[in-house]
């Protein structure tokens, strides 16, 4: 049995017996062990040597940035990761004072979230780098389609709520970048975010749609009481954190309801 089938067999088994909030492998563990993401090979005896090489590469890139005075000891760590990523991908601007591109803001948001999950800076950089690369490659065509899918599933779950969003001209102004490009980094707390990213790393970005739908369903009364696109968007960008775990659990239920028991449903 392949690693993918083992991973997904266990995931499906746990969820069938009622433990949908339990993941046999957390997203960070998958990121560190999944060869396709390019961090570590499948053979555990090679891990120490590979991590040594990754650490040396990390130090070499950091040293180069310091030599050209692009970063210093005062540079925030997540910005250091961004400059390292830009240098590796051939996108380093001529000056650190140049304004950031939207994709840079996405990288920073994800890096800040990963920084809350792991302590080691080398691991933090490589996890962020590979997660962003997965979004930019595997999900490049899928992510722009998610707002339309969101509208479709929200209509199925609560057409009145969707009508309210349309009446307020809010549908096109919802925080889709926060939800779908940043994968809820900066929106959900670390514990809830890991459960969502577990699904994304395992092969499905559609879970992001159901999290967004469940956020609207959870805060329906509040959203229905707001009568402008600006107020609705502002609220959704800063939702209360205390119900995040319940939102993610219900979102996973919605995912199963509409997609069956997906294995790799992009």
Protein backbone atom coordinates (compact mmCIF):
# COMPACT_ATOMS: atom_id res chain seq x y z
CA UNK A 1 0.00 0.00 0.00
CA UNK A 2 1.39 3.40 -0.95
CA UNK A 3 2.01 6.21 1.53
CA UNK A 4 -0.92 8.18 0.02
CA UNK A 5 -3.36 5.29 0.34
CA UNK A 6 -2.20 4.49 3.87
CA UNK A 7 -2.58 8.11 4.90
CA UNK A 8 -6.03 8.46 3.40
CA UNK A 9 -7.24 5.01 4.52
CA UNK A 10 -6.48 5.92 8.12
CA UNK A 11 -8.05 9.36 7.71
CA UNK A 12 -11.23 7.88 6.27
CA UNK A 13 -11.31 5.18 9.00
CA UNK A 14 -11.03 7.69 11.83
CA UNK A 15 -13.73 9.87 10.32
CA UNK A 16 -16.11 6.94 9.71
CA UNK A 17 -15.99 5.98 13.39
CA UNK A 18 -16.75 9.52 14.45
CA UNK A 19 -13.32 11.09 15.01
CA UNK A 20 -13.36 13.67 12.25
CA UNK A 21 -11.38 16.14 14.31
CA UNK A 22 -8.55 13.63 14.80
CA UNK A 23 -5.82 13.48 12.17
CA UNK A 24 -3.40 10.59 12.14
CA UNK A 25 -0.77 12.96 10.82
CA UNK A 26 -0.75 16.66 11.46
CA UNK A 27 -0.06 19.02 8.57
CA UNK A 28 3.42 19.84 9.81
CA UNK A 29 4.34 16.17 10.06
CA UNK A 30 3.10 15.56 6.53
CA UNK A 31 5.04 18.55 5.26
CA UNK A 32 8.22 17.24 6.86
CA UNK A 33 7.76 13.68 5.59
CA UNK A 34 6.13 14.08 2.19
CA UNK A 35 8.76 13.65 -0.53
CA UNK A 36 6.57 15.28 -3.16
CA UNK A 37 6.81 18.56 -1.29
CA UNK A 38 10.55 18.34 -1.55
CA UNK A 39 11.53 18.68 2.10
CA UNK A 40 12.59 15.17 3.10
CA UNK A 41 12.93 11.84 1.26
CA UNK A 42 10.73 8.85 2.18
CA UNK A 43 13.66 6.92 3.69
CA UNK A 44 14.02 7.97 7.33
CA UNK A 45 17.70 7.02 7.47
CA UNK A 46 18.38 9.87 5.02
CA UNK A 47 16.58 12.53 7.03
CA UNK A 48 19.50 13.67 9.16
CA UNK A 49 21.76 14.21 6.15
CA UNK A 50 19.03 15.95 4.16
CA UNK A 51 18.16 18.26 7.04
CA UNK A 52 21.82 19.12 7.42
CA UNK A 53 21.91 20.09 3.74
CA UNK A 54 18.72 22.13 4.15
CA UNK A 55 20.18 23.93 7.14
CA UNK A 56 23.38 24.71 5.22
CA UNK A 57 21.33 26.01 2.30
CA UNK A 58 19.27 28.13 4.72
CA UNK A 59 22.44 29.62 6.23
CA UNK A 60 24.00 30.26 2.80
CA UNK A 61 20.94 32.15 1.54
CA UNK A 62 20.70 34.14 4.77
CA UNK A 63 24.39 35.02 4.58
CA UNK A 64 24.01 36.21 0.98
CA UNK A 65 21.15 38.50 1.95
CA UNK A 66 23.18 39.98 4.78
CA UNK A 67 26.19 40.55 2.51
CA UNK A 68 24.07 42.60 0.09
CA UNK A 69 22.46 44.32 3.09
CA UNK A 70 18.96 43.20 2.24
CA UNK A 71 18.36 41.96 5.77
CA UNK A 72 19.92 42.67 9.16
CA UNK A 73 19.57 41.48 12.73
CA UNK A 74 16.68 43.95 13.08
CA UNK A 75 14.69 42.50 10.16
CA UNK A 76 11.55 40.67 11.32
CA UNK A 77 12.00 36.92 10.92
CA UNK A 78 9.05 36.42 8.56
CA UNK A 79 10.42 39.15 6.30
CA UNK A 80 13.76 37.33 6.29
CA UNK A 81 11.94 34.21 5.09
CA UNK A 82 10.27 36.24 2.35
CA UNK A 83 13.57 37.67 1.11
CA UNK A 84 15.10 34.19 1.15
CA UNK A 85 12.21 32.89 -0.91
CA UNK A 86 12.46 35.79 -3.34
CA UNK A 87 16.20 35.23 -3.76
CA UNK A 88 15.73 31.50 -4.40
CA UNK A 89 12.96 32.11 -6.92
CA UNK A 90 14.78 34.93 -8.73
CA UNK A 91 12.28 37.57 -7.60
CA UNK A 92 14.39 39.62 -5.18
CA UNK A 93 13.65 43.31 -5.87
CA UNK A 94 16.40 45.85 -6.36
CA UNK A 95 15.74 47.41 -2.99
CA UNK A 96 14.08 46.24 0.25
CA UNK A 97 12.14 49.53 0.19
CA UNK A 98 10.18 48.49 -2.90
CA UNK A 99 6.48 47.85 -2.16
CA UNK A 100 5.46 44.25 -1.66
CA UNK A 101 3.47 42.37 -4.30
CA UNK A 102 0.17 40.66 -3.33
CA UNK A 103 1.87 37.26 -3.51
CA UNK A 104 4.48 38.52 -1.06
CA UNK A 105 1.74 39.46 1.39
CA UNK A 106 0.36 35.92 1.05
CA UNK A 107 3.78 34.45 1.82
CA UNK A 108 4.16 36.67 4.91
CA UNK A 109 0.73 35.69 6.24
CA UNK A 110 1.45 31.99 5.85
CA UNK A 111 4.95 32.39 7.35
CA UNK A 112 3.49 34.14 10.41
CA UNK A 113 1.05 31.28 10.90
CA UNK A 114 3.74 28.61 10.53
CA UNK A 115 5.92 30.53 12.98
CA UNK A 116 3.21 29.95 15.59
CA UNK A 117 3.35 26.20 14.92
CA UNK A 118 7.08 25.46 14.94
CA UNK A 119 10.00 26.94 16.83
CA UNK A 120 12.92 26.05 14.58
CA UNK A 121 13.59 28.78 11.98
CA UNK A 122 14.99 26.34 9.41
CA UNK A 123 11.87 24.17 9.61
CA UNK A 124 9.65 27.24 9.54
CA UNK A 125 11.22 28.48 6.31
CA UNK A 126 11.11 25.14 4.51
CA UNK A 127 7.54 24.39 5.57
CA UNK A 128 6.37 27.84 4.45
CA UNK A 129 8.33 27.63 1.21
CA UNK A 130 6.93 24.23 0.26
CA UNK A 131 3.38 25.04 1.31
CA UNK A 132 3.41 28.21 -0.81
CA UNK A 133 4.93 26.30 -3.71
CA UNK A 134 2.10 23.77 -3.49
CA UNK A 135 -0.48 26.57 -3.61
CA UNK A 136 1.26 28.15 -6.59
CA UNK A 137 1.63 24.94 -8.56
CA UNK A 138 -0.88 22.22 -7.68
CA UNK A 139 -3.72 24.63 -6.88
CA UNK A 140 -2.89 27.42 -9.34
CA UNK A 141 -5.96 26.70 -11.47
CA UNK A 142 -8.25 25.60 -8.62
CA UNK A 143 -7.92 28.59 -6.27
CA UNK A 144 -9.48 31.19 -8.64
CA UNK A 145 -12.55 28.93 -8.95
CA UNK A 146 -13.22 28.78 -5.20
CA UNK A 147 -15.32 31.99 -4.91
CA UNK A 148 -17.79 30.57 -7.45
CA UNK A 149 -17.88 27.25 -5.58
CA UNK A 150 -18.47 29.17 -2.35
CA UNK A 151 -21.51 30.87 -3.88
CA UNK A 152 -22.82 27.53 -5.14
CA UNK A 153 -22.57 25.73 -1.78
CA UNK A 154 -23.82 28.69 0.26
CA UNK A 155 -26.89 28.76 -1.99
CA UNK A 156 -27.50 25.08 -1.25
CA UNK A 157 -27.11 25.59 2.50
CA UNK A 158 -28.87 28.93 2.95
CA UNK A 159 -30.22 30.72 -0.14
CA UNK A 160 -31.67 33.53 2.01
CA UNK A 161 -28.24 34.35 3.40
CA UNK A 162 -26.79 34.40 -0.12
CA UNK A 163 -29.58 36.71 -1.27
CA UNK A 164 -28.77 39.09 1.57
CA UNK A 165 -25.12 39.22 0.48
CA UNK A 166 -26.20 39.98 -3.08
CA UNK A 167 -28.67 42.65 -1.95
CA UNK A 168 -25.89 44.36 0.01
CA UNK A 169 -23.53 44.03 -2.99
CA UNK A 170 -21.20 42.17 -0.63
CA UNK A 171 -20.70 38.93 -2.54
CA UNK A 172 -17.87 40.25 -4.72
CA UNK A 173 -16.25 42.03 -1.77
CA UNK A 174 -15.94 39.13 0.66
CA UNK A 175 -12.39 38.43 1.98
CA UNK A 176 -11.62 35.78 -0.65
CA UNK A 177 -7.87 36.50 -0.54
CA UNK A 178 -7.82 35.89 3.21
CA UNK A 179 -9.88 32.73 2.85
CA UNK A 180 -8.52 31.13 -0.30
CA UNK A 181 -5.11 32.61 -1.14
CA UNK A 182 -3.88 32.81 2.45
CA UNK A 183 -5.77 29.63 3.43
CA UNK A 184 -7.25 31.42 6.48
CA UNK A 185 -3.81 32.39 7.83
CA UNK A 186 -4.49 35.39 10.05
CA UNK A 187 -8.17 34.45 10.34
CA UNK A 188 -8.20 31.19 12.30
CA UNK A 189 -6.10 30.37 15.38
CA UNK A 190 -3.23 27.90 15.05
CA UNK A 191 -5.08 24.83 16.36
CA UNK A 192 -7.97 25.27 13.93
CA UNK A 193 -5.70 26.29 11.08
CA UNK A 194 -3.69 23.08 11.34
CA UNK A 195 -6.83 20.99 10.86
CA UNK A 196 -7.71 22.92 7.69
CA UNK A 197 -4.17 22.75 6.33
CA UNK A 198 -4.12 18.98 6.99
CA UNK A 199 -6.73 18.68 4.24
CA UNK A 200 -5.00 21.12 1.91
CA UNK A 201 -1.64 19.35 2.22
CA UNK A 202 -3.32 15.97 1.76
CA UNK A 203 -4.69 17.05 -1.60
CA UNK A 204 -7.90 19.08 -1.31
CA UNK A 205 -8.20 22.84 -1.42
CA UNK A 206 -12.01 22.57 -1.58
CA UNK A 207 -12.09 22.32 2.22
CA UNK A 208 -11.38 26.08 2.16
CA UNK A 209 -14.77 26.64 0.51
CA UNK A 210 -16.63 24.76 3.23
CA UNK A 211 -14.81 26.62 6.01
CA UNK A 212 -15.90 29.89 4.40
CA UNK A 213 -19.49 28.65 4.04
CA UNK A 214 -19.57 27.50 7.66
CA UNK A 215 -18.26 30.87 8.85
CA UNK A 216 -21.24 32.52 7.16
CA UNK A 217 -23.68 29.95 8.58
CA UNK A 218 -22.23 30.27 12.09
CA UNK A 219 -22.50 34.06 12.10
CA UNK A 220 -25.69 34.26 10.05
CA UNK A 221 -27.59 36.39 12.57
CA UNK A 222 -24.76 38.90 12.80
CA UNK A 223 -24.27 39.05 9.01
CA UNK A 224 -28.00 39.41 8.33
CA UNK A 225 -28.09 42.37 10.72
CA UNK A 226 -25.39 44.20 8.74
CA UNK A 227 -26.64 46.20 5.77
CA UNK A 228 -23.50 47.21 3.90
CA UNK A 229 -20.74 45.35 2.07
CA UNK A 230 -18.08 47.21 4.01
CA UNK A 231 -19.49 46.22 7.42
CA UNK A 232 -19.96 42.59 6.38
CA UNK A 233 -16.44 42.31 5.01
CA UNK A 234 -14.91 43.99 8.05
CA UNK A 235 -16.71 41.58 10.37
CA UNK A 236 -15.70 38.50 8.36
CA UNK A 237 -12.08 39.60 8.34
CA UNK A 238 -12.07 39.62 12.14
CA UNK A 239 -14.38 36.84 13.27
CA UNK A 240 -14.45 35.82 16.96
CA UNK A 241 -11.84 33.15 17.67
CA UNK A 242 -13.67 31.19 20.34
CA UNK A 243 -15.85 29.26 17.88
CA UNK A 244 -13.12 28.39 15.38
CA UNK A 245 -12.76 24.72 16.31
CA UNK A 246 -16.51 24.18 16.00
CA UNK A 247 -16.52 25.96 12.64
CA UNK A 248 -13.79 23.70 11.27
CA UNK A 249 -15.54 20.55 12.55
CA UNK A 250 -18.81 21.58 10.91
CA UNK A 251 -16.94 22.55 7.74
CA UNK A 252 -15.47 19.04 7.54
CA UNK A 253 -19.00 17.66 7.95
CA UNK A 254 -20.17 19.87 5.07
CA UNK A 255 -17.22 18.69 2.99
CA UNK A 256 -18.29 15.07 3.50
CA UNK A 257 -21.93 15.92 2.92
CA UNK A 258 -21.35 17.48 -0.49
CA UNK A 259 -18.26 15.56 -1.66
CA UNK A 260 -18.79 12.17 -0.05
CA UNK A 261 -15.57 11.00 1.58
CA UNK A 262 -12.98 12.77 -0.59
CA UNK A 263 -9.46 11.42 -0.80
CA UNK A 264 -7.82 13.95 -3.12
CA UNK A 265 -10.65 16.31 -4.07
CA UNK A 266 -9.08 19.52 -5.35
